[in-house]
Amino acid sequence: MEKPPLLAVVEFLAHNRLKAVYEAAGYAVQNEFMVRKAIAWLRKNRPRVVAADFFYQPDFRDRVSNLESLLATLQAMPDVKVVVYYDPIHQAALDKVSQRFHIDAALPVPVQEAALQALLADWR
């Protein structure tokens, strides 16, 4: 059986360690380190899961976070599961984004590997 693809959008290098968790859960991992490259990859591929770092950017005029463009692209892929990692101090910004875009799960940082493993197992 072929491993389902997982796109990991890693903008905080500390989350690069999660690749081992994704692989242990049975996913074939594609790492991208910039949202625009992740969007380009999504135009050619359909993952089962997208995992991405969320961060609030108050200096954006038309966006709240780094992920709106990615989440807008994923709206055309309703079967793709989305998990974001966020700093709890940015909960209000995440709530605002999740009112406009679909997010299946949000895990606070530091990410608890057991919680992530359980989530990925459910989505497999």
PDB file of N, CA and C in Angstrom:
ATOM      1  N   MET A   1       0.842  -1.182   0.000  1.00  0.00           N
ATOM      2  CA  MET A   1       0.000   0.000   0.000  1.00  0.00           C
ATOM      3  C   MET A   1       0.889   1.247   0.000  1.00  0.00           C
ATOM      4  N   GLU A   2       0.576   2.163  -0.866  1.00  0.00           N
ATOM      5  CA  GLU A   2       1.365   3.389  -0.987  1.00  0.00           C
ATOM      6  C   GLU A   2       1.078   4.335   0.176  1.00  0.00           C
ATOM      7  N   LYS A   3       2.128   4.999   0.638  1.00  0.00           N
ATOM      8  CA  LYS A   3       1.966   5.944   1.742  1.00  0.00           C
ATOM      9  C   LYS A   3       1.255   7.197   1.250  1.00  0.00           C
ATOM     10  N   PRO A   4       0.271   7.694   2.005  1.00  0.00           N
ATOM     11  CA  PRO A   4      -0.391   8.936   1.603  1.00  0.00           C
ATOM     12  C   PRO A   4       0.557  10.121   1.786  1.00  0.00           C
ATOM     13  N   PRO A   5       0.479  11.101   0.884  1.00  0.00           N
ATOM     14  CA  PRO A   5       1.373  12.253   1.000  1.00  0.00           C
ATOM     15  C   PRO A   5       0.931  13.242   2.081  1.00  0.00           C
ATOM     16  N   LEU A   6       1.922  13.847   2.705  1.00  0.00           N
ATOM     17  CA  LEU A   6       1.711  14.898   3.696  1.00  0.00           C
ATOM     18  C   LEU A   6       2.628  16.053   3.316  1.00  0.00           C
ATOM     19  N   LEU A   7       2.054  17.227   3.164  1.00  0.00           N
ATOM     20  CA  LEU A   7       2.825  18.429   2.882  1.00  0.00           C
ATOM     21  C   LEU A   7       3.088  19.145   4.196  1.00  0.00           C
ATOM     22  N   ALA A   8       4.362  19.297   4.541  1.00  0.00           N
ATOM     23  CA  ALA A   8       4.754  20.010   5.752  1.00  0.00           C
ATOM     24  C   ALA A   8       5.328  21.365   5.339  1.00  0.00           C
ATOM     25  N   VAL A   9       4.631  22.428   5.752  1.00  0.00           N
ATOM     26  CA  VAL A   9       5.094  23.781   5.477  1.00  0.00           C
ATOM     27  C   VAL A   9       5.820  24.248   6.730  1.00  0.00           C
ATOM     28  N   VAL A  10       7.132  24.191   6.671  1.00  0.00           N
ATOM     29  CA  VAL A  10       7.974  24.408   7.844  1.00  0.00           C
ATOM     30  C   VAL A  10       8.627  25.783   7.750  1.00  0.00           C
ATOM     31  N   GLU A  11       8.052  26.743   8.442  1.00  0.00           N
ATOM     32  CA  GLU A  11       8.649  28.071   8.459  1.00  0.00           C
ATOM     33  C   GLU A  11       9.434  28.317   9.744  1.00  0.00           C
ATOM     34  N   PHE A  12       9.172  27.514  10.755  1.00  0.00           N
ATOM     35  CA  PHE A  12       9.955  27.555  11.980  1.00  0.00           C
ATOM     36  C   PHE A  12      10.769  26.274  12.032  1.00  0.00           C
ATOM     37  N   LEU A  13      12.063  26.380  11.959  1.00  0.00           N
ATOM     38  CA  LEU A  13      12.898  25.195  11.825  1.00  0.00           C
ATOM     39  C   LEU A  13      12.757  24.211  12.973  1.00  0.00           C
ATOM     40  N   ALA A  14      12.273  24.655  14.107  1.00  0.00           N
ATOM     41  CA  ALA A  14      12.059  23.735  15.224  1.00  0.00           C
ATOM     42  C   ALA A  14      11.044  22.662  14.859  1.00  0.00           C
ATOM     43  N   HIS A  15      10.128  22.969  13.949  1.00  0.00           N
ATOM     44  CA  HIS A  15       9.111  21.990  13.558  1.00  0.00           C
ATOM     45  C   HIS A  15       9.614  21.010  12.505  1.00  0.00           C
ATOM     46  N   ASN A  16      10.812  21.213  12.016  1.00  0.00           N
ATOM     47  CA  ASN A  16      11.381  20.275  11.063  1.00  0.00           C
ATOM     48  C   ASN A  16      11.582  18.906  11.711  1.00  0.00           C
ATOM     49  N   ARG A  17      11.691  18.862  13.042  1.00  0.00           N
ATOM     50  CA  ARG A  17      11.844  17.595  13.762  1.00  0.00           C
ATOM     51  C   ARG A  17      10.586  16.733  13.666  1.00  0.00           C
ATOM     52  N   LEU A  18       9.468  17.326  13.290  1.00  0.00           N
ATOM     53  CA  LEU A  18       8.209  16.583  13.211  1.00  0.00           C
ATOM     54  C   LEU A  18       8.154  15.650  12.009  1.00  0.00           C
ATOM     55  N   LYS A  19       9.080  15.775  11.090  1.00  0.00           N
ATOM     56  CA  LYS A  19       9.110  14.890   9.922  1.00  0.00           C
ATOM     57  C   LYS A  19       9.154  13.427  10.361  1.00  0.00           C
ATOM     58  N   ALA A  20       9.910  13.132  11.398  1.00  0.00           N
ATOM     59  CA  ALA A  20      10.002  11.757  11.897  1.00  0.00           C
ATOM     60  C   ALA A  20       8.644  11.270  12.411  1.00  0.00           C
ATOM     61  N   VAL A  21       7.869  12.156  13.016  1.00  0.00           N
ATOM     62  CA  VAL A  21       6.527  11.798  13.499  1.00  0.00           C
ATOM     63  C   VAL A  21       5.616  11.487  12.310  1.00  0.00           C
ATOM     64  N   TYR A  22       5.680  12.322  11.284  1.00  0.00           N
ATOM     65  CA  TYR A  22       4.856  12.101  10.087  1.00  0.00           C
ATOM     66  C   TYR A  22       5.198  10.757   9.437  1.00  0.00           C
ATOM     67  N   GLU A  23       6.486  10.502   9.313  1.00  0.00           N
ATOM     68  CA  GLU A  23       6.912   9.255   8.673  1.00  0.00           C
ATOM     69  C   GLU A  23       6.531   8.038   9.515  1.00  0.00           C
ATOM     70  N   ALA A  24       6.668   8.152  10.829  1.00  0.00           N
ATOM     71  CA  ALA A  24       6.284   7.040  11.711  1.00  0.00           C
ATOM     72  C   ALA A  24       4.783   6.768  11.638  1.00  0.00           C
ATOM     73  N   ALA A  25       4.003   7.800  11.323  1.00  0.00           N
ATOM     74  CA  ALA A  25       2.552   7.640  11.193  1.00  0.00           C
ATOM     75  C   ALA A  25       2.170   7.081   9.817  1.00  0.00           C
ATOM     76  N   GLY A  26       3.158   6.873   8.961  1.00  0.00           N
ATOM     77  CA  GLY A  26       2.896   6.230   7.681  1.00  0.00           C
ATOM     78  C   GLY A  26       2.697   7.161   6.504  1.00  0.00           C
ATOM     79  N   TYR A  27       3.174   8.387   6.595  1.00  0.00           N
ATOM     80  CA  TYR A  27       3.004   9.360   5.518  1.00  0.00           C
ATOM     81  C   TYR A  27       4.306   9.550   4.740  1.00  0.00           C
ATOM     82  N   ALA A  28       4.163   9.835   3.462  1.00  0.00           N
ATOM     83  CA  ALA A  28       5.289  10.251   2.626  1.00  0.00           C
ATOM     84  C   ALA A  28       5.341  11.774   2.721  1.00  0.00           C
ATOM     85  N   VAL A  29       6.437  12.304   3.212  1.00  0.00           N
ATOM     86  CA  VAL A  29       6.523  13.724   3.562  1.00  0.00           C
ATOM     87  C   VAL A  29       7.177  14.548   2.464  1.00  0.00           C
ATOM     88  N   GLN A  30       6.529  15.663   2.134  1.00  0.00           N
ATOM     89  CA  GLN A  30       7.094  16.685   1.259  1.00  0.00           C
ATOM     90  C   GLN A  30       7.266  17.934   2.111  1.00  0.00           C
ATOM     91  N   ASN A  31       8.508  18.350   2.338  1.00  0.00           N
ATOM     92  CA  ASN A  31       8.780  19.573   3.105  1.00  0.00           C
ATOM     93  C   ASN A  31       8.901  20.755   2.160  1.00  0.00           C
ATOM     94  N   GLU A  32       8.271  21.845   2.534  1.00  0.00           N
ATOM     95  CA  GLU A  32       8.467  23.126   1.857  1.00  0.00           C
ATOM     96  C   GLU A  32       8.728  24.145   2.952  1.00  0.00           C
ATOM     97  N   PHE A  33       9.624  25.075   2.679  1.00  0.00           N
ATOM     98  CA  PHE A  33      10.020  26.030   3.696  1.00  0.00           C
ATOM     99  C   PHE A  33       9.476  27.430   3.445  1.00  0.00           C
ATOM    100  N   MET A  34       8.684  27.579   2.377  1.00  0.00           N
ATOM    101  CA  MET A  34       8.044  28.858   2.062  1.00  0.00           C
ATOM    102  C   MET A  34       6.627  28.580   1.568  1.00  0.00           C
ATOM    103  N   VAL A  35       5.679  29.415   1.986  1.00  0.00           N
ATOM    104  CA  VAL A  35       4.280  29.210   1.606  1.00  0.00           C
ATOM    105  C   VAL A  35       4.114  29.240   0.095  1.00  0.00           C
ATOM    106  N   ARG A  36       4.773  30.151  -0.587  1.00  0.00           N
ATOM    107  CA  ARG A  36       4.590  30.237  -2.039  1.00  0.00           C
ATOM    108  C   ARG A  36       5.064  28.958  -2.733  1.00  0.00           C
ATOM    109  N   LYS A  37       6.119  28.324  -2.223  1.00  0.00           N
ATOM    110  CA  LYS A  37       6.568  27.051  -2.805  1.00  0.00           C
ATOM    111  C   LYS A  37       5.589  25.925  -2.472  1.00  0.00           C
ATOM    112  N   ALA A  38       4.991  25.990  -1.302  1.00  0.00           N
ATOM    113  CA  ALA A  38       3.973  25.000  -0.931  1.00  0.00           C
ATOM    114  C   ALA A  38       2.761  25.110  -1.853  1.00  0.00           C
ATOM    115  N   ILE A  39       2.359  26.330  -2.171  1.00  0.00           N
ATOM    116  CA  ILE A  39       1.226  26.535  -3.076  1.00  0.00           C
ATOM    117  C   ILE A  39       1.553  25.998  -4.462  1.00  0.00           C
ATOM    118  N   ALA A  40       2.757  26.246  -4.939  1.00  0.00           N
ATOM    119  CA  ALA A  40       3.174  25.713  -6.243  1.00  0.00           C
ATOM    120  C   ALA A  40       3.136  24.189  -6.227  1.00  0.00           C
ATOM    121  N   TRP A  41       3.577  23.569  -5.133  1.00  0.00           N
ATOM    122  CA  TRP A  41       3.541  22.106  -5.023  1.00  0.00           C
ATOM    123  C   TRP A  41       2.099  21.608  -5.037  1.00  0.00           C
ATOM    124  N   LEU A  42       1.200  22.331  -4.347  1.00  0.00           N
ATOM    125  CA  LEU A  42      -0.212  21.933  -4.287  1.00  0.00           C
ATOM    126  C   LEU A  42      -0.891  21.996  -5.652  1.00  0.00           C
ATOM    127  N   ARG A  43      -0.428  22.847  -6.510  1.00  0.00           N
ATOM    128  CA  ARG A  43      -1.018  22.944  -7.852  1.00  0.00           C
ATOM    129  C   ARG A  43      -0.775  21.687  -8.675  1.00  0.00           C
ATOM    130  N   LYS A  44       0.220  20.895  -8.288  1.00  0.00           N
ATOM    131  CA  LYS A  44       0.577  19.688  -9.034  1.00  0.00           C
ATOM    132  C   LYS A  44       0.291  18.406  -8.257  1.00  0.00           C
ATOM    133  N   ASN A  45       0.011  18.518  -6.977  1.00  0.00           N
ATOM    134  CA  ASN A  45      -0.137  17.347  -6.109  1.00  0.00           C
ATOM    135  C   ASN A  45      -1.318  17.533  -5.163  1.00  0.00           C
ATOM    136  N   ARG A  46      -1.837  16.419  -4.691  1.00  0.00           N
ATOM    137  CA  ARG A  46      -2.921  16.458  -3.705  1.00  0.00           C
ATOM    138  C   ARG A  46      -2.527  15.596  -2.507  1.00  0.00           C
ATOM    139  N   PRO A  47      -2.155  16.253  -1.405  1.00  0.00           N
ATOM    140  CA  PRO A  47      -1.791  15.482  -0.215  1.00  0.00           C
ATOM    141  C   PRO A  47      -3.038  15.038   0.550  1.00  0.00           C
ATOM    142  N   ARG A  48      -2.860  14.138   1.467  1.00  0.00           N
ATOM    143  CA  ARG A  48      -3.940  13.777   2.383  1.00  0.00           C
ATOM    144  C   ARG A  48      -3.984  14.785   3.531  1.00  0.00           C
ATOM    145  N   VAL A  49      -2.784  15.280   3.920  1.00  0.00           N
ATOM    146  CA  VAL A  49      -2.667  16.193   5.060  1.00  0.00           C
ATOM    147  C   VAL A  49      -1.712  17.331   4.704  1.00  0.00           C
ATOM    148  N   VAL A  50      -2.059  18.529   5.193  1.00  0.00           N
ATOM    149  CA  VAL A  50      -1.135  19.664   5.161  1.00  0.00           C
ATOM    150  C   VAL A  50      -0.914  20.083   6.610  1.00  0.00           C
ATOM    151  N   ALA A  51       0.345  20.162   7.001  1.00  0.00           N
ATOM    152  CA  ALA A  51       0.726  20.616   8.344  1.00  0.00           C
ATOM    153  C   ALA A  51       1.538  21.895   8.163  1.00  0.00           C
ATOM    154  N   ALA A  52       1.141  22.953   8.871  1.00  0.00           N
ATOM    155  CA  ALA A  52       1.805  24.238   8.646  1.00  0.00           C
ATOM    156  C   ALA A  52       1.930  25.048   9.918  1.00  0.00           C
ATOM    157  N   ASP A  53       2.981  25.828   9.958  1.00  0.00           N
ATOM    158  CA  ASP A  53       3.195  26.771  11.055  1.00  0.00           C
ATOM    159  C   ASP A  53       2.321  27.994  10.827  1.00  0.00           C
ATOM    160  N   PHE A  54       1.655  28.443  11.882  1.00  0.00           N
ATOM    161  CA  PHE A  54       0.830  29.648  11.829  1.00  0.00           C
ATOM    162  C   PHE A  54       1.515  30.731  12.635  1.00  0.00           C
ATOM    163  N   PHE A  55       1.633  31.899  12.044  1.00  0.00           N
ATOM    164  CA  PHE A  55       2.071  33.021  12.858  1.00  0.00           C
ATOM    165  C   PHE A  55       1.360  34.287  12.440  1.00  0.00           C
ATOM    166  N   TYR A  56       1.044  35.063  13.428  1.00  0.00           N
ATOM    167  CA  TYR A  56       0.330  36.324  13.279  1.00  0.00           C
ATOM    168  C   TYR A  56       1.295  37.374  12.756  1.00  0.00           C
ATOM    169  N   GLN A  57       0.831  38.134  11.751  1.00  0.00           N
ATOM    170  CA  GLN A  57       1.666  39.191  11.191  1.00  0.00           C
ATOM    171  C   GLN A  57       0.866  40.487  11.145  1.00  0.00           C
ATOM    172  N   PRO A  58       0.984  41.309  12.179  1.00  0.00           N
ATOM    173  CA  PRO A  58       0.184  42.538  12.249  1.00  0.00           C
ATOM    174  C   PRO A  58       0.565  43.579  11.191  1.00  0.00           C
ATOM    175  N   ASP A  59       1.735  43.429  10.562  1.00  0.00           N
ATOM    176  CA  ASP A  59       2.146  44.408   9.562  1.00  0.00           C
ATOM    177  C   ASP A  59       1.541  44.165   8.180  1.00  0.00           C
ATOM    178  N   PHE A  60       0.840  43.042   7.995  1.00  0.00           N
ATOM    179  CA  PHE A  60       0.126  42.812   6.730  1.00  0.00           C
ATOM    180  C   PHE A  60      -1.110  43.693   6.690  1.00  0.00           C
ATOM    181  N   ARG A  61      -1.367  44.312   5.557  1.00  0.00           N
ATOM    182  CA  ARG A  61      -2.569  45.138   5.434  1.00  0.00           C
ATOM    183  C   ARG A  61      -3.803  44.304   5.102  1.00  0.00           C
ATOM    184  N   ASP A  62      -3.618  43.299   4.263  1.00  0.00           N
ATOM    185  CA  ASP A  62      -4.771  42.541   3.781  1.00  0.00           C
ATOM    186  C   ASP A  62      -4.882  41.135   4.359  1.00  0.00           C
ATOM    187  N   ARG A  63      -3.966  40.760   5.243  1.00  0.00           N
ATOM    188  CA  ARG A  63      -3.987  39.425   5.833  1.00  0.00           C
ATOM    189  C   ARG A  63      -3.679  39.507   7.317  1.00  0.00           C
ATOM    190  N   VAL A  64      -4.034  38.447   8.010  1.00  0.00           N
ATOM    191  CA  VAL A  64      -3.777  38.361   9.444  1.00  0.00           C
ATOM    192  C   VAL A  64      -2.531  37.517   9.712  1.00  0.00           C
ATOM    193  N   SER A  65      -2.297  36.528   8.857  1.00  0.00           N
ATOM    194  CA  SER A  65      -1.225  35.581   9.133  1.00  0.00           C
ATOM    195  C   SER A  65      -0.471  35.214   7.861  1.00  0.00           C
ATOM    196  N   ASN A  66       0.487  34.320   8.047  1.00  0.00           N
ATOM    197  CA  ASN A  66       1.267  33.808   6.936  1.00  0.00           C
ATOM    198  C   ASN A  66       0.506  32.783   6.101  1.00  0.00           C
ATOM    199  N   LEU A  67      -0.625  32.273   6.580  1.00  0.00           N
ATOM    200  CA  LEU A  67      -1.263  31.117   5.941  1.00  0.00           C
ATOM    201  C   LEU A  67      -2.484  31.398   5.069  1.00  0.00           C
ATOM    202  N   GLU A  68      -2.977  32.612   5.013  1.00  0.00           N
ATOM    203  CA  GLU A  68      -4.213  32.828   4.257  1.00  0.00           C
ATOM    204  C   GLU A  68      -4.119  32.377   2.802  1.00  0.00           C
ATOM    205  N   SER A  69      -3.014  32.659   2.147  1.00  0.00           N
ATOM    206  CA  SER A  69      -2.861  32.260   0.742  1.00  0.00           C
ATOM    207  C   SER A  69      -2.890  30.735   0.611  1.00  0.00           C
ATOM    208  N   LEU A  70      -2.205  30.060   1.499  1.00  0.00           N
ATOM    209  CA  LEU A  70      -2.191  28.597   1.483  1.00  0.00           C
ATOM    210  C   LEU A  70      -3.586  28.043   1.756  1.00  0.00           C
ATOM    211  N   LEU A  71      -4.248  28.569   2.770  1.00  0.00           N
ATOM    212  CA  LEU A  71      -5.593  28.092   3.122  1.00  0.00           C
ATOM    213  C   LEU A  71      -6.596  28.390   2.008  1.00  0.00           C
ATOM    214  N   ALA A  72      -6.444  29.500   1.320  1.00  0.00           N
ATOM    215  CA  ALA A  72      -7.328  29.808   0.191  1.00  0.00           C
ATOM    216  C   ALA A  72      -7.139  28.782  -0.924  1.00  0.00           C
ATOM    217  N   THR A  73      -5.910  28.386  -1.179  1.00  0.00           N
ATOM    218  CA  THR A  73      -5.632  27.357  -2.184  1.00  0.00           C
ATOM    219  C   THR A  73      -6.274  26.033  -1.777  1.00  0.00           C
ATOM    220  N   LEU A  74      -6.227  25.724  -0.506  1.00  0.00           N
ATOM    221  CA  LEU A  74      -6.773  24.451  -0.015  1.00  0.00           C
ATOM    222  C   LEU A  74      -8.296  24.405  -0.020  1.00  0.00           C
ATOM    223  N   GLN A  75      -8.963  25.534  -0.162  1.00  0.00           N
ATOM    224  CA  GLN A  75     -10.427  25.524  -0.220  1.00  0.00           C
ATOM    225  C   GLN A  75     -10.935  24.691  -1.388  1.00  0.00           C
ATOM    226  N   ALA A  76     -10.155  24.601  -2.445  1.00  0.00           N
ATOM    227  CA  ALA A  76     -10.537  23.788  -3.601  1.00  0.00           C
ATOM    228  C   ALA A  76     -10.272  22.302  -3.363  1.00  0.00           C
ATOM    229  N   MET A  77      -9.749  21.953  -2.206  1.00  0.00           N
ATOM    230  CA  MET A  77      -9.411  20.567  -1.859  1.00  0.00           C
ATOM    231  C   MET A  77     -10.040  20.206  -0.514  1.00  0.00           C
ATOM    232  N   PRO A  78     -11.365  20.124  -0.451  1.00  0.00           N
ATOM    233  CA  PRO A  78     -12.022  19.921   0.848  1.00  0.00           C
ATOM    234  C   PRO A  78     -11.692  18.595   1.532  1.00  0.00           C
ATOM    235  N   ASP A  79     -11.163  17.628   0.789  1.00  0.00           N
ATOM    236  CA  ASP A  79     -10.821  16.337   1.389  1.00  0.00           C
ATOM    237  C   ASP A  79      -9.439  16.333   2.047  1.00  0.00           C
ATOM    238  N   VAL A  80      -8.668  17.389   1.864  1.00  0.00           N
ATOM    239  CA  VAL A  80      -7.338  17.480   2.469  1.00  0.00           C
ATOM    240  C   VAL A  80      -7.485  17.972   3.916  1.00  0.00           C
ATOM    241  N   LYS A  81      -6.886  17.250   4.834  1.00  0.00           N
ATOM    242  CA  LYS A  81      -6.911  17.634   6.250  1.00  0.00           C
ATOM    243  C   LYS A  81      -5.822  18.676   6.508  1.00  0.00           C
ATOM    244  N   VAL A  82      -6.147  19.651   7.360  1.00  0.00           N
ATOM    245  CA  VAL A  82      -5.215  20.738   7.657  1.00  0.00           C
ATOM    246  C   VAL A  82      -4.995  20.824   9.165  1.00  0.00           C
ATOM    247  N   VAL A  83      -3.729  20.767   9.556  1.00  0.00           N
ATOM    248  CA  VAL A  83      -3.350  20.986  10.952  1.00  0.00           C
ATOM    249  C   VAL A  83      -2.370  22.147  10.977  1.00  0.00           C
ATOM    250  N   VAL A  84      -2.591  23.063  11.899  1.00  0.00           N
ATOM    251  CA  VAL A  84      -1.674  24.189  12.052  1.00  0.00           C
ATOM    252  C   VAL A  84      -1.102  24.177  13.463  1.00  0.00           C
ATOM    253  N   TYR A  85       0.128  24.660  13.560  1.00  0.00           N
ATOM    254  CA  TYR A  85       0.816  24.794  14.831  1.00  0.00           C
ATOM    255  C   TYR A  85       0.877  26.281  15.149  1.00  0.00           C
ATOM    256  N   TYR A  86       0.471  26.655  16.345  1.00  0.00           N
ATOM    257  CA  TYR A  86       0.367  28.077  16.670  1.00  0.00           C
ATOM    258  C   TYR A  86       0.851  28.358  18.089  1.00  0.00           C
ATOM    259  N   ASP A  87       1.269  29.584  18.274  1.00  0.00           N
ATOM    260  CA  ASP A  87       1.648  30.066  19.598  1.00  0.00           C
ATOM    261  C   ASP A  87       0.356  30.489  20.295  1.00  0.00           C
ATOM    262  N   PRO A  88       0.071  29.995  21.478  1.00  0.00           N
ATOM    263  CA  PRO A  88      -1.182  30.337  22.167  1.00  0.00           C
ATOM    264  C   PRO A  88      -1.424  31.838  22.340  1.00  0.00           C
ATOM    265  N   ILE A  89      -0.379  32.651  22.344  1.00  0.00           N
ATOM    266  CA  ILE A  89      -0.608  34.099  22.458  1.00  0.00           C
ATOM    267  C   ILE A  89      -1.268  34.664  21.202  1.00  0.00           C
ATOM    268  N   HIS A  90      -1.283  33.888  20.118  1.00  0.00           N
ATOM    269  CA  HIS A  90      -1.924  34.316  18.872  1.00  0.00           C
ATOM    270  C   HIS A  90      -3.266  33.621  18.638  1.00  0.00           C
ATOM    271  N   GLN A  91      -3.878  33.119  19.685  1.00  0.00           N
ATOM    272  CA  GLN A  91      -5.159  32.424  19.574  1.00  0.00           C
ATOM    273  C   GLN A  91      -6.229  33.283  18.900  1.00  0.00           C
ATOM    274  N   ALA A  92      -6.309  34.568  19.249  1.00  0.00           N
ATOM    275  CA  ALA A  92      -7.329  35.447  18.658  1.00  0.00           C
ATOM    276  C   ALA A  92      -7.136  35.582  17.152  1.00  0.00           C
ATOM    277  N   ALA A  93      -5.904  35.695  16.709  1.00  0.00           N
ATOM    278  CA  ALA A  93      -5.630  35.782  15.272  1.00  0.00           C
ATOM    279  C   ALA A  93      -5.986  34.480  14.578  1.00  0.00           C
ATOM    280  N   LEU A  94      -5.661  33.356  15.197  1.00  0.00           N
ATOM    281  CA  LEU A  94      -6.021  32.057  14.634  1.00  0.00           C
ATOM    282  C   LEU A  94      -7.533  31.908  14.547  1.00  0.00           C
ATOM    283  N   ASP A  95      -8.250  32.337  15.576  1.00  0.00           N
ATOM    284  CA  ASP A  95      -9.710  32.274  15.554  1.00  0.00           C
ATOM    285  C   ASP A  95     -10.276  33.084  14.387  1.00  0.00           C
ATOM    286  N   LYS A  96      -9.707  34.252  14.146  1.00  0.00           N
ATOM    287  CA  LYS A  96     -10.147  35.099  13.045  1.00  0.00           C
ATOM    288  C   LYS A  96      -9.928  34.404  11.689  1.00  0.00           C
ATOM    289  N   VAL A  97      -8.773  33.781  11.527  1.00  0.00           N
ATOM    290  CA  VAL A  97      -8.465  33.081  10.282  1.00  0.00           C
ATOM    291  C   VAL A  97      -9.365  31.855  10.116  1.00  0.00           C
ATOM    292  N   SER A  98      -9.591  31.128  11.201  1.00  0.00           N
ATOM    293  CA  SER A  98     -10.405  29.906  11.106  1.00  0.00           C
ATOM    294  C   SER A  98     -11.887  30.203  10.879  1.00  0.00           C
ATOM    295  N   GLN A  99     -12.311  31.443  11.068  1.00  0.00           N
ATOM    296  CA  GLN A  99     -13.684  31.820  10.702  1.00  0.00           C
ATOM    297  C   GLN A  99     -13.825  31.945   9.182  1.00  0.00           C
ATOM    298  N   ARG A 100     -12.729  32.246   8.514  1.00  0.00           N
ATOM    299  CA  ARG A 100     -12.753  32.431   7.058  1.00  0.00           C
ATOM    300  C   ARG A 100     -12.291  31.209   6.285  1.00  0.00           C
ATOM    301  N   PHE A 101     -11.456  30.374   6.888  1.00  0.00           N
ATOM    302  CA  PHE A 101     -10.856  29.231   6.192  1.00  0.00           C
ATOM    303  C   PHE A 101     -10.979  27.976   7.037  1.00  0.00           C
ATOM    304  N   HIS A 102     -11.068  26.849   6.355  1.00  0.00           N
ATOM    305  CA  HIS A 102     -11.198  25.561   7.026  1.00  0.00           C
ATOM    306  C   HIS A 102      -9.858  25.106   7.605  1.00  0.00           C
ATOM    307  N   ILE A 103      -9.844  24.808   8.883  1.00  0.00           N
ATOM    308  CA  ILE A 103      -8.698  24.220   9.573  1.00  0.00           C
ATOM    309  C   ILE A 103      -9.249  23.059  10.394  1.00  0.00           C
ATOM    310  N   ASP A 104      -8.728  21.864  10.154  1.00  0.00           N
ATOM    311  CA  ASP A 104      -9.240  20.680  10.853  1.00  0.00           C
ATOM    312  C   ASP A 104      -8.757  20.588  12.293  1.00  0.00           C
ATOM    313  N   ALA A 105      -7.515  21.005  12.532  1.00  0.00           N
ATOM    314  CA  ALA A 105      -6.966  20.918  13.888  1.00  0.00           C
ATOM    315  C   ALA A 105      -5.908  21.995  14.068  1.00  0.00           C
ATOM    316  N   ALA A 106      -5.803  22.478  15.291  1.00  0.00           N
ATOM    317  CA  ALA A 106      -4.774  23.447  15.657  1.00  0.00           C
ATOM    318  C   ALA A 106      -4.110  22.957  16.937  1.00  0.00           C
ATOM    319  N   LEU A 107      -2.808  22.812  16.878  1.00  0.00           N
ATOM    320  CA  LEU A 107      -2.051  22.333  18.026  1.00  0.00           C
ATOM    321  C   LEU A 107      -1.124  23.440  18.511  1.00  0.00           C
ATOM    322  N   PRO A 108      -1.162  23.728  19.816  1.00  0.00           N
ATOM    323  CA  PRO A 108      -0.268  24.763  20.341  1.00  0.00           C
ATOM    324  C   PRO A 108       1.184  24.281  20.349  1.00  0.00           C
ATOM    325  N   VAL A 109       2.082  25.252  20.240  1.00  0.00           N
ATOM    326  CA  VAL A 109       3.498  24.933  20.349  1.00  0.00           C
ATOM    327  C   VAL A 109       3.937  25.135  21.794  1.00  0.00           C
ATOM    328  N   PRO A 110       4.837  24.319  22.284  1.00  0.00           N
ATOM    329  CA  PRO A 110       5.504  23.241  21.562  1.00  0.00           C
ATOM    330  C   PRO A 110       4.539  22.091  21.288  1.00  0.00           C
ATOM    331  N   VAL A 111       4.647  21.533  20.104  1.00  0.00           N
ATOM    332  CA  VAL A 111       3.741  20.474  19.672  1.00  0.00           C
ATOM    333  C   VAL A 111       4.000  19.212  20.489  1.00  0.00           C
ATOM    334  N   GLN A 112       2.929  18.686  21.052  1.00  0.00           N
ATOM    335  CA  GLN A 112       3.005  17.425  21.787  1.00  0.00           C
ATOM    336  C   GLN A 112       2.934  16.290  20.770  1.00  0.00           C
ATOM    337  N   GLU A 113       4.014  15.552  20.643  1.00  0.00           N
ATOM    338  CA  GLU A 113       4.091  14.514  19.615  1.00  0.00           C
ATOM    339  C   GLU A 113       2.978  13.480  19.743  1.00  0.00           C
ATOM    340  N   ALA A 114       2.581  13.128  20.958  1.00  0.00           N
ATOM    341  CA  ALA A 114       1.523  12.132  21.150  1.00  0.00           C
ATOM    342  C   ALA A 114       0.200  12.636  20.575  1.00  0.00           C
ATOM    343  N   ALA A 115      -0.112  13.907  20.764  1.00  0.00           N
ATOM    344  CA  ALA A 115      -1.347  14.477  20.221  1.00  0.00           C
ATOM    345  C   ALA A 115      -1.304  14.472  18.698  1.00  0.00           C
ATOM    346  N   LEU A 116      -0.158  14.825  18.144  1.00  0.00           N
ATOM    347  CA  LEU A 116      -0.008  14.819  16.687  1.00  0.00           C
ATOM    348  C   LEU A 116      -0.111  13.405  16.135  1.00  0.00           C
ATOM    349  N   GLN A 117       0.519  12.442  16.806  1.00  0.00           N
ATOM    350  CA  GLN A 117       0.444  11.051  16.358  1.00  0.00           C
ATOM    351  C   GLN A 117      -0.989  10.546  16.335  1.00  0.00           C
ATOM    352  N   ALA A 118      -1.764  10.856  17.364  1.00  0.00           N
ATOM    353  CA  ALA A 118      -3.159  10.425  17.438  1.00  0.00           C
ATOM    354  C   ALA A 118      -3.974  11.048  16.299  1.00  0.00           C
ATOM    355  N   LEU A 119      -3.756  12.310  16.056  1.00  0.00           N
ATOM    356  CA  LEU A 119      -4.464  13.018  14.986  1.00  0.00           C
ATOM    357  C   LEU A 119      -4.149  12.388  13.631  1.00  0.00           C
ATOM    358  N   LEU A 120      -2.878  12.174  13.360  1.00  0.00           N
ATOM    359  CA  LEU A 120      -2.469  11.594  12.073  1.00  0.00           C
ATOM    360  C   LEU A 120      -2.982  10.178  11.899  1.00  0.00           C
ATOM    361  N   ALA A 121      -3.027   9.419  12.976  1.00  0.00           N
ATOM    362  CA  ALA A 121      -3.556   8.060  12.902  1.00  0.00           C
ATOM    363  C   ALA A 121      -5.037   8.084  12.525  1.00  0.00           C
ATOM    364  N   ASP A 122      -5.789   9.026  13.089  1.00  0.00           N
ATOM    365  CA  ASP A 122      -7.210   9.155  12.761  1.00  0.00           C
ATOM    366  C   ASP A 122      -7.421   9.512  11.291  1.00  0.00           C
ATOM    367  N   TRP A 123      -6.517  10.306  10.746  1.00  0.00           N
ATOM    368  CA  TRP A 123      -6.668  10.789   9.366  1.00  0.00           C
ATOM    369  C   TRP A 123      -6.115   9.806   8.338  1.00  0.00           C
ATOM    370  N   ARG A 124      -5.381   8.833   8.761  1.00  0.00           N
ATOM    371  CA  ARG A 124      -4.752   7.864   7.837  1.00  0.00           C
ATOM    372  C   ARG A 124      -5.819   7.012   7.231  1.00  0.00           C
TER     373      ARG A 124
END
